[in-house]
């Protein structure tokens, strides 16, 4: 459980959150393709100036300012607060040079 500057209380799935003591060895870069949830959801995340980033600072996607308060990170199980909550489905998420593979007409 954590308190946030956006006046929310967040409950985390600590059984499945990677330990900060474990070093994540896979590089997430511009040319990589990551399939959610298996690859990315196991990473620690942070929200930095609207960018959802890996713990190493690599940007995954940008979140518009009105959606940042109450944004569910992958390991949140509950958010308590008065703000709007935003959940993202990572089911078909792609990252890197093959980001266009997330949409099939």
Protein backbone atom coordinates (compact mmCIF):
# COMPACT_ATOMS: atom_id res chain seq x y z
CA UNK A 1 0.00 0.00 0.00
CA UNK A 2 1.28 3.46 -0.79
CA UNK A 3 0.12 7.05 -0.61
CA UNK A 4 0.64 9.22 -3.66
CA UNK A 5 1.03 12.93 -4.35
CA UNK A 6 -2.14 12.71 -6.47
CA UNK A 7 -4.12 12.11 -3.23
CA UNK A 8 -4.70 8.44 -3.90
CA UNK A 9 -3.98 5.32 -1.91
CA UNK A 10 -2.68 2.49 -4.05
CA UNK A 11 -2.75 -1.20 -3.18
CA UNK A 12 -0.07 -3.26 -4.91
CA UNK A 13 0.12 -6.95 -5.83
CA UNK A 14 3.36 -7.51 -3.94
CA UNK A 15 3.45 -11.23 -4.69
CA UNK A 16 4.00 -10.47 -8.38
CA UNK A 17 5.93 -7.19 -8.29
CA UNK A 18 9.60 -7.72 -9.16
CA UNK A 19 12.00 -7.22 -6.31
CA UNK A 20 14.02 -4.01 -6.57
CA UNK A 21 17.03 -6.13 -5.61
CA UNK A 22 16.73 -8.22 -8.77
CA UNK A 23 18.36 -6.65 -11.78
CA UNK A 24 16.28 -6.85 -14.92
CA UNK A 25 18.68 -7.89 -17.68
CA UNK A 26 16.58 -7.51 -20.83
CA UNK A 27 17.10 -4.21 -22.64
CA UNK A 28 13.87 -2.46 -23.62
CA UNK A 29 14.83 -0.19 -26.46
CA UNK A 30 13.49 1.40 -29.60
CA UNK A 31 13.99 -1.70 -31.68
CA UNK A 32 12.44 -4.20 -29.30
CA UNK A 33 8.94 -5.58 -29.42
CA UNK A 34 7.33 -6.43 -26.13
CA UNK A 35 4.13 -8.39 -25.71
CA UNK A 36 2.04 -7.62 -22.65
CA UNK A 37 1.58 -8.99 -20.13
CA UNK A 38 4.39 -11.56 -20.12
CA UNK A 39 7.30 -9.26 -20.97
CA UNK A 40 6.44 -5.82 -19.66
CA UNK A 41 4.11 -6.42 -16.75
CA UNK A 42 6.98 -8.10 -14.91
CA UNK A 43 8.97 -4.83 -15.03
CA UNK A 44 8.86 -2.13 -12.38
CA UNK A 45 7.19 1.00 -13.77
CA UNK A 46 7.27 4.70 -13.05
CA UNK A 47 5.35 7.71 -14.32
CA UNK A 48 7.72 10.55 -15.23
CA UNK A 49 6.35 13.79 -16.74
CA UNK A 50 3.51 11.88 -18.35
CA UNK A 51 5.65 9.06 -19.71
CA UNK A 52 5.10 5.53 -18.42
CA UNK A 53 8.65 4.22 -18.17
CA UNK A 54 10.56 1.15 -17.14
CA UNK A 55 12.66 1.49 -14.00
CA UNK A 56 15.67 2.18 -16.25
CA UNK A 57 13.86 5.21 -17.71
CA UNK A 58 12.90 3.84 -21.11
CA UNK A 59 9.60 5.31 -22.29
CA UNK A 60 6.76 2.95 -23.17
CA UNK A 61 3.92 5.40 -23.81
CA UNK A 62 2.78 8.91 -22.96
CA UNK A 63 -0.27 9.54 -20.79
CA UNK A 64 -2.23 12.80 -21.23
CA UNK A 65 -2.28 14.95 -18.09
CA UNK A 66 -6.01 14.54 -17.31
CA UNK A 67 -5.52 10.75 -17.14
CA UNK A 68 -2.43 10.69 -14.90
CA UNK A 69 -4.18 11.05 -11.55
CA UNK A 70 -5.66 7.68 -10.69
CA UNK A 71 -3.71 5.84 -13.41
CA UNK A 72 -3.47 2.11 -12.70
CA UNK A 73 0.07 0.79 -13.02
CA UNK A 74 0.30 -2.91 -13.98
CA UNK A 75 0.68 -4.16 -10.39
CA UNK A 76 -2.07 -2.06 -8.78
CA UNK A 77 -4.95 -4.09 -7.37
CA UNK A 78 -6.92 -1.13 -6.00
CA UNK A 79 -6.78 2.67 -6.09
CA UNK A 80 -8.72 4.70 -3.54
CA UNK A 81 -9.28 8.37 -4.28
CA UNK A 82 -11.72 10.94 -5.57
CA UNK A 83 -10.13 11.28 -8.99
CA UNK A 84 -11.07 9.55 -12.21
CA UNK A 85 -9.32 6.21 -12.56
CA UNK A 86 -7.70 5.09 -15.80
CA UNK A 87 -6.89 1.45 -16.57
CA UNK A 88 -4.97 0.38 -19.66
CA UNK A 89 -5.38 -3.05 -21.22
CA UNK A 90 -1.94 -4.43 -22.01
CA UNK A 91 -3.31 -7.46 -23.84
CA UNK A 92 -2.26 -6.40 -27.37
CA UNK A 93 0.32 -3.77 -26.47
CA UNK A 94 3.36 -3.56 -28.74
CA UNK A 95 6.44 -1.39 -28.29
CA UNK A 96 9.33 -0.46 -30.52
CA UNK A 97 9.53 -0.67 -34.28
CA UNK A 98 6.61 -3.11 -34.50
CA UNK A 99 4.13 -0.98 -32.57
CA UNK A 100 1.84 -1.04 -35.61
CA UNK A 101 1.20 -4.77 -35.04
CA UNK A 102 -1.18 -3.95 -32.18
CA UNK A 103 -3.96 -3.10 -34.65
CA UNK A 104 -5.48 -5.50 -37.14
CA UNK A 105 -8.19 -4.03 -39.40
